[in-house]
C-alpha atoms as a PDB file:
ATOM      1  CA  MET A   1       5.463  11.575  13.154  1.00  0.00           C
ATOM      2  CA  HIS A   2       1.882  10.675  13.149  1.00  0.00           C
ATOM      3  CA  THR A   3      -0.134  10.686   9.970  1.00  0.00           C
ATOM      4  CA  SER A   4      -1.960  13.602  10.108  1.00  0.00           C
ATOM      5  CA  GLU A   5       1.311  15.422  10.343  1.00  0.00           C
ATOM      6  CA  ILE A   6       2.782  13.851   7.716  1.00  0.00           C
ATOM      7  CA  LYS A   7      -0.314  14.661   5.159  1.00  0.00           C
ATOM      8  CA  LEU A   8       0.113  18.428   6.818  1.00  0.00           C
ATOM      9  CA  GLU A   9       3.544  18.485   5.831  1.00  0.00           C
ATOM     10  CA  LEU A  10       3.255  17.093   2.450  1.00  0.00           C
ATOM     11  CA  PHE A  11       0.566  19.651   1.838  1.00  0.00           C
ATOM     12  CA  ARG A  12       2.101  22.439   2.598  1.00  0.00           C
ATOM     13  CA  TYR A  13       5.358  21.206   0.330  1.00  0.00           C
ATOM     14  CA  ILE A  14       2.814  20.449  -2.374  1.00  0.00           C
ATOM     15  CA  ASP A  15       1.182  23.956  -2.053  1.00  0.00           C
ATOM     16  CA  ASP A  16       4.658  25.611  -2.188  1.00  0.00           C
ATOM     17  CA  LEU A  17       5.588  23.769  -5.277  1.00  0.00           C
ATOM     18  CA  PRO A  18       5.669  25.523  -8.986  1.00  0.00           C
ATOM     19  CA  ASP A  19       2.777  24.336 -11.406  1.00  0.00           C
ATOM     20  CA  SER A  20       5.494  22.374 -13.066  1.00  0.00           C
ATOM     21  CA  ASP A  21       6.962  21.106 -10.108  1.00  0.00           C
ATOM     22  CA  LEU A  22       3.188  19.919  -8.758  1.00  0.00           C
ATOM     23  CA  LYS A  23       2.277  18.048 -12.340  1.00  0.00           C
ATOM     24  CA  LYS A  24       5.210  15.386 -12.041  1.00  0.00           C
ATOM     25  CA  ILE A  25       4.561  15.151  -8.708  1.00  0.00           C
ATOM     26  CA  TYR A  26       0.619  14.348  -9.327  1.00  0.00           C
ATOM     27  CA  ASN A  27       1.994  12.100 -12.126  1.00  0.00           C
ATOM     28  CA  ILE A  28       4.349  10.112  -9.927  1.00  0.00           C
ATOM     29  CA  PHE A  29       1.083  10.017  -7.596  1.00  0.00           C
ATOM     30  CA  ILE A  30      -1.288   8.806 -10.262  1.00  0.00           C
ATOM     31  CA  LYS A  31       1.152   6.370 -11.775  1.00  0.00           C
ATOM     32  CA  GLU A  32       1.579   4.744  -8.307  1.00  0.00           C
ATOM     33  CA  ARG A  33      -2.082   4.346  -7.808  1.00  0.00           C
ATOM     34  CA  LYS A  34      -2.468   2.652 -11.096  1.00  0.00           C
ATOM     35  CA  THR A  35       0.378   0.220 -10.509  1.00  0.00           C
ATOM     36  CA  LYS A  36      -0.871  -1.095  -7.496  1.00  0.00           C
ATOM     37  CA  SER A  37      -4.339  -1.603  -8.572  1.00  0.00           C
ATOM     38  CA  ASP A  38      -3.086  -3.513 -11.494  1.00  0.00           C
ATOM     39  CA  PHE A  39      -1.402  -5.578  -9.734  1.00  0.00           C
ATOM     40  CA  TRP A  40      -4.448  -6.535  -7.861  1.00  0.00           C
ATOM     41  CA  LEU A  41      -5.805  -6.848 -11.455  1.00  0.00           C
ATOM     42  CA  GLU A  42      -2.944  -9.328 -12.531  1.00  0.00           C
ATOM     43  CA  LEU A  43      -3.668 -11.885  -9.577  1.00  0.00           C
ATOM     44  CA  ASN A  44      -6.228 -14.980  -9.965  1.00  0.00           C
ATOM     45  CA  ASP A  45      -9.615 -15.623  -7.921  1.00  0.00           C
ATOM     46  CA  PHE A  46      -6.949 -17.981  -5.433  1.00  0.00           C
ATOM     47  CA  GLN A  47      -4.421 -15.701  -4.954  1.00  0.00           C
ATOM     48  CA  LYS A  48      -6.791 -12.633  -4.408  1.00  0.00           C
ATOM     49  CA  GLN A  49      -8.461 -15.066  -1.731  1.00  0.00           C
ATOM     50  CA  ASP A  50      -5.160 -15.689  -0.044  1.00  0.00           C
ATOM     51  CA  ILE A  51      -4.554 -12.636   0.660  1.00  0.00           C
ATOM     52  CA  GLU A  52      -8.121 -11.587   1.702  1.00  0.00           C
ATOM     53  CA  LEU A  53      -7.607 -14.879   4.085  1.00  0.00           C
ATOM     54  CA  GLY A  54      -4.315 -13.197   5.381  1.00  0.00           C
ATOM     55  CA  LEU A  55      -5.857  -9.816   5.904  1.00  0.00           C
ATOM     56  CA  ASP A  56      -8.904 -11.294   7.834  1.00  0.00           C
ATOM     57  CA  ASP A  57      -6.327 -12.943  10.274  1.00  0.00           C
ATOM     58  CA  LEU A  58      -4.383 -10.080  10.948  1.00  0.00           C
ATOM     59  CA  ARG A  59      -7.555  -8.228  11.353  1.00  0.00           C
ATOM     60  CA  LYS A  60      -8.495 -10.852  14.122  1.00  0.00           C
ATOM     61  CA  GLY A  61      -5.176 -10.591  15.669  1.00  0.00           C
ATOM     62  CA  ASN A  62      -3.736 -14.104  14.600  1.00  0.00           C
ATOM     63  CA  LYS A  63      -0.167 -12.769  13.641  1.00  0.00           C
ATOM     64  CA  TYR A  64       2.596 -15.562  12.615  1.00  0.00           C
ATOM     65  CA  SER A  65       6.483 -15.139  12.664  1.00  0.00           C
ATOM     66  CA  PHE A  66       8.541 -16.078   9.286  1.00  0.00           C
ATOM     67  CA  GLU A  67       9.625 -19.114  11.217  1.00  0.00           C
ATOM     68  CA  GLU A  68       6.053 -19.887  11.911  1.00  0.00           C
ATOM     69  CA  VAL A  69       4.997 -19.468   8.644  1.00  0.00           C
ATOM     70  CA  LEU A  70       8.083 -22.236   7.377  1.00  0.00           C
ATOM     71  CA  GLN A  71       7.543 -24.798   9.820  1.00  0.00           C
ATOM     72  CA  GLU A  72       3.675 -24.801   8.542  1.00  0.00           C
ATOM     73  CA  LEU A  73       5.043 -25.107   5.473  1.00  0.00           C
ATOM     74  CA  LYS A  74       7.086 -27.892   6.029  1.00  0.00           C
END
């Protein structure tokens, strides 16, 4: 299923919800978003920098297997 199809299906599902259920779903989404942003805020600068370096590697197409990472750490 493509992203656009998932979004459309979610929209239709949400559109049919009664108000009370809609508010529950909304609160779940807001809580999830805050949790993710809180996670980032809890990281120190070194951790954030390492994550950014890893993401840059992925963007450049540099991917490493779990075994390669373990070998590098040894």
